Amino acid sequence: RAALLALARATIDHRGRVGGALEEARGAGLSDAEIVELVANVALTIFTNYLNELAGTDIDFPIVHHHPQ
């Protein structure tokens, strides 16, 4: 799970230019299929967020607040 989260974070922070994070994810045992699924989910979430911002979608569910550790 840590490898997935690290790769997702690197993908977001560096706009897909993840550098060594990809090798670390593979070294942690992630398959190419899992990596592709992760990138697809990141891209879908970004797309959805942009679309909702553009459309001015009202939030009708509890807002989740991120608490960095």
N, C-alpha and C. Protein backbone atom coordinates (compact mmCIF):
# COMPACT_ATOMS: atom_id res chain seq x y z
N ARG A 1 0.82 -1.18 0.00
CA ARG A 1 0.00 0.00 0.00
C ARG A 1 0.87 1.25 0.00
N ALA A 2 1.94 1.23 0.76
CA ALA A 2 2.83 2.40 0.82
C ALA A 2 3.42 2.71 -0.56
N ALA A 3 3.77 1.67 -1.30
CA ALA A 3 4.34 1.87 -2.64
C ALA A 3 3.31 2.49 -3.58
N LEU A 4 2.07 2.04 -3.49
CA LEU A 4 1.00 2.63 -4.31
C LEU A 4 0.80 4.10 -3.98
N LEU A 5 0.75 4.41 -2.70
CA LEU A 5 0.54 5.80 -2.28
C LEU A 5 1.71 6.68 -2.69
N ALA A 6 2.93 6.17 -2.56
CA ALA A 6 4.11 6.95 -2.94
C ALA A 6 4.11 7.22 -4.44
N LEU A 7 3.74 6.24 -5.23
CA LEU A 7 3.71 6.43 -6.67
C LEU A 7 2.58 7.39 -7.06
N ALA A 8 1.43 7.26 -6.42
CA ALA A 8 0.32 8.19 -6.70
C ALA A 8 0.74 9.61 -6.37
N ARG A 9 1.38 9.80 -5.23
CA ARG A 9 1.81 11.14 -4.82
C ARG A 9 2.84 11.70 -5.80
N ALA A 10 3.80 10.88 -6.20
CA ALA A 10 4.81 11.32 -7.16
C ALA A 10 4.17 11.67 -8.50
N THR A 11 3.19 10.89 -8.92
CA THR A 11 2.50 11.14 -10.18
C THR A 11 1.80 12.50 -10.15
N ILE A 12 1.15 12.79 -9.04
CA ILE A 12 0.44 14.06 -8.90
C ILE A 12 1.43 15.22 -8.77
N ASP A 13 2.39 15.08 -7.87
CA ASP A 13 3.33 16.17 -7.59
C ASP A 13 4.19 16.54 -8.78
N HIS A 14 4.54 15.53 -9.60
CA HIS A 14 5.47 15.76 -10.71
C HIS A 14 4.81 15.60 -12.08
N ARG A 15 3.47 15.59 -12.08
CA ARG A 15 2.70 15.53 -13.32
C ARG A 15 3.13 14.39 -14.24
N GLY A 16 3.32 13.24 -13.64
CA GLY A 16 3.65 12.04 -14.41
C GLY A 16 5.13 11.76 -14.57
N ARG A 17 5.96 12.72 -14.26
CA ARG A 17 7.42 12.52 -14.37
C ARG A 17 7.93 12.04 -13.02
N VAL A 18 7.72 10.76 -12.75
CA VAL A 18 7.91 10.22 -11.40
C VAL A 18 9.34 9.81 -11.07
N GLY A 19 10.21 9.77 -12.07
CA GLY A 19 11.60 9.40 -11.80
C GLY A 19 11.73 8.04 -11.15
N GLY A 20 12.45 7.99 -10.05
CA GLY A 20 12.73 6.74 -9.37
C GLY A 20 11.54 6.11 -8.67
N ALA A 21 10.45 6.84 -8.53
CA ALA A 21 9.28 6.29 -7.85
C ALA A 21 8.72 5.08 -8.60
N LEU A 22 8.86 5.07 -9.91
CA LEU A 22 8.37 3.93 -10.69
C LEU A 22 9.18 2.67 -10.38
N GLU A 23 10.50 2.81 -10.34
CA GLU A 23 11.34 1.65 -10.02
C GLU A 23 11.09 1.18 -8.59
N GLU A 24 10.86 2.12 -7.68
CA GLU A 24 10.57 1.75 -6.29
C GLU A 24 9.26 0.98 -6.22
N ALA A 25 8.27 1.40 -6.98
CA ALA A 25 6.98 0.71 -6.99
C ALA A 25 7.13 -0.70 -7.53
N ARG A 26 7.87 -0.82 -8.61
CA ARG A 26 8.11 -2.16 -9.17
C ARG A 26 8.91 -3.02 -8.20
N GLY A 27 9.88 -2.41 -7.53
CA GLY A 27 10.68 -3.14 -6.55
C GLY A 27 9.85 -3.60 -5.36
N ALA A 28 8.77 -2.89 -5.07
CA ALA A 28 7.88 -3.28 -3.98
C ALA A 28 6.88 -4.34 -4.42
N GLY A 29 6.96 -4.72 -5.71
CA GLY A 29 6.11 -5.81 -6.19
C GLY A 29 4.88 -5.40 -6.98
N LEU A 30 4.75 -4.11 -7.29
CA LEU A 30 3.59 -3.70 -8.08
C LEU A 30 3.76 -4.17 -9.52
N SER A 31 2.70 -4.68 -10.07
CA SER A 31 2.71 -5.14 -11.46
C SER A 31 2.46 -3.96 -12.40
N ASP A 32 2.76 -4.15 -13.67
CA ASP A 32 2.47 -3.11 -14.65
C ASP A 32 0.97 -2.81 -14.68
N ALA A 33 0.14 -3.83 -14.54
CA ALA A 33 -1.31 -3.62 -14.54
C ALA A 33 -1.74 -2.75 -13.36
N GLU A 34 -1.16 -2.97 -12.20
CA GLU A 34 -1.49 -2.16 -11.02
C GLU A 34 -1.04 -0.71 -11.21
N ILE A 35 0.12 -0.53 -11.83
CA ILE A 35 0.63 0.81 -12.08
C ILE A 35 -0.27 1.55 -13.06
N VAL A 36 -0.69 0.87 -14.12
CA VAL A 36 -1.58 1.48 -15.10
C VAL A 36 -2.91 1.84 -14.44
N GLU A 37 -3.43 0.96 -13.60
CA GLU A 37 -4.68 1.24 -12.90
C GLU A 37 -4.54 2.46 -11.99
N LEU A 38 -3.42 2.56 -11.31
CA LEU A 38 -3.17 3.71 -10.44
C LEU A 38 -3.17 5.00 -11.25
N VAL A 39 -2.44 5.02 -12.35
CA VAL A 39 -2.37 6.23 -13.18
C VAL A 39 -3.75 6.57 -13.75
N ALA A 40 -4.51 5.57 -14.14
CA ALA A 40 -5.86 5.81 -14.66
C ALA A 40 -6.74 6.43 -13.59
N ASN A 41 -6.64 5.95 -12.36
CA ASN A 41 -7.44 6.50 -11.27
C ASN A 41 -7.02 7.92 -10.92
N VAL A 42 -5.72 8.21 -10.93
CA VAL A 42 -5.25 9.57 -10.69
C VAL A 42 -5.80 10.49 -11.78
N ALA A 43 -5.68 10.07 -13.04
CA ALA A 43 -6.14 10.90 -14.15
C ALA A 43 -7.66 11.12 -14.08
N LEU A 44 -8.41 10.10 -13.76
CA LEU A 44 -9.87 10.23 -13.66
C LEU A 44 -10.26 11.18 -12.53
N THR A 45 -9.57 11.09 -11.41
CA THR A 45 -9.87 11.97 -10.29
C THR A 45 -9.56 13.42 -10.64
N ILE A 46 -8.43 13.66 -11.30
CA ILE A 46 -8.09 15.02 -11.72
C ILE A 46 -9.12 15.53 -12.72
N PHE A 47 -9.48 14.72 -13.69
CA PHE A 47 -10.49 15.10 -14.67
C PHE A 47 -11.81 15.47 -13.99
N THR A 48 -12.24 14.62 -13.07
CA THR A 48 -13.50 14.86 -12.36
C THR A 48 -13.43 16.16 -11.56
N ASN A 49 -12.30 16.39 -10.88
CA ASN A 49 -12.16 17.62 -10.10
C ASN A 49 -12.21 18.85 -11.01
N TYR A 50 -11.51 18.80 -12.12
CA TYR A 50 -11.52 19.94 -13.05
C TYR A 50 -12.92 20.18 -13.59
N LEU A 51 -13.60 19.13 -13.97
CA LEU A 51 -14.95 19.26 -14.51
C LEU A 51 -15.90 19.85 -13.46
N ASN A 52 -15.79 19.38 -12.22
CA ASN A 52 -16.64 19.91 -11.17
C ASN A 52 -16.34 21.37 -10.87
N GLU A 53 -15.08 21.76 -10.93
CA GLU A 53 -14.73 23.17 -10.74
C GLU A 53 -15.32 24.01 -11.87
N LEU A 54 -15.18 23.54 -13.09
CA LEU A 54 -15.71 24.25 -14.25
C LEU A 54 -17.23 24.41 -14.16
N ALA A 55 -17.91 23.35 -13.77
CA ALA A 55 -19.36 23.34 -13.72
C ALA A 55 -19.90 23.99 -12.45
N GLY A 56 -19.03 24.23 -11.47
CA GLY A 56 -19.50 24.80 -10.21
C GLY A 56 -20.39 23.85 -9.44
N THR A 57 -20.09 22.58 -9.51
CA THR A 57 -20.90 21.55 -8.87
C THR A 57 -20.96 21.78 -7.35
N ASP A 58 -22.18 21.75 -6.80
CA ASP A 58 -22.35 21.87 -5.36
C ASP A 58 -21.93 20.56 -4.69
N ILE A 59 -21.22 20.68 -3.60
CA ILE A 59 -20.82 19.50 -2.84
C ILE A 59 -22.00 19.11 -1.96
N ASP A 60 -22.50 17.88 -2.18
CA ASP A 60 -23.67 17.43 -1.43
C ASP A 60 -23.35 16.24 -0.53
N PHE A 61 -22.09 16.15 -0.12
CA PHE A 61 -21.65 15.10 0.78
C PHE A 61 -20.64 15.73 1.74
N PRO A 62 -20.38 15.09 2.86
CA PRO A 62 -19.43 15.69 3.82
C PRO A 62 -18.05 15.88 3.18
N ILE A 63 -17.47 17.05 3.41
CA ILE A 63 -16.14 17.35 2.90
C ILE A 63 -15.10 16.59 3.74
N VAL A 64 -14.15 15.96 3.07
CA VAL A 64 -13.08 15.25 3.74
C VAL A 64 -11.88 16.19 3.84
N HIS A 65 -11.38 16.36 5.03
CA HIS A 65 -10.22 17.22 5.25
C HIS A 65 -8.99 16.35 5.42
N HIS A 66 -7.94 16.67 4.68
CA HIS A 66 -6.69 15.91 4.73
C HIS A 66 -5.86 16.40 5.91
N HIS A 67 -5.38 15.47 6.68
CA HIS A 67 -4.53 15.78 7.83
C HIS A 67 -3.17 15.14 7.61
N PRO A 68 -2.16 15.89 7.11
CA PRO A 68 -0.85 15.29 6.87
C PRO A 68 -0.26 14.72 8.15
N GLN A 69 0.46 13.63 7.98
CA GLN A 69 1.06 12.97 9.15
C GLN A 69 2.46 13.45 9.36
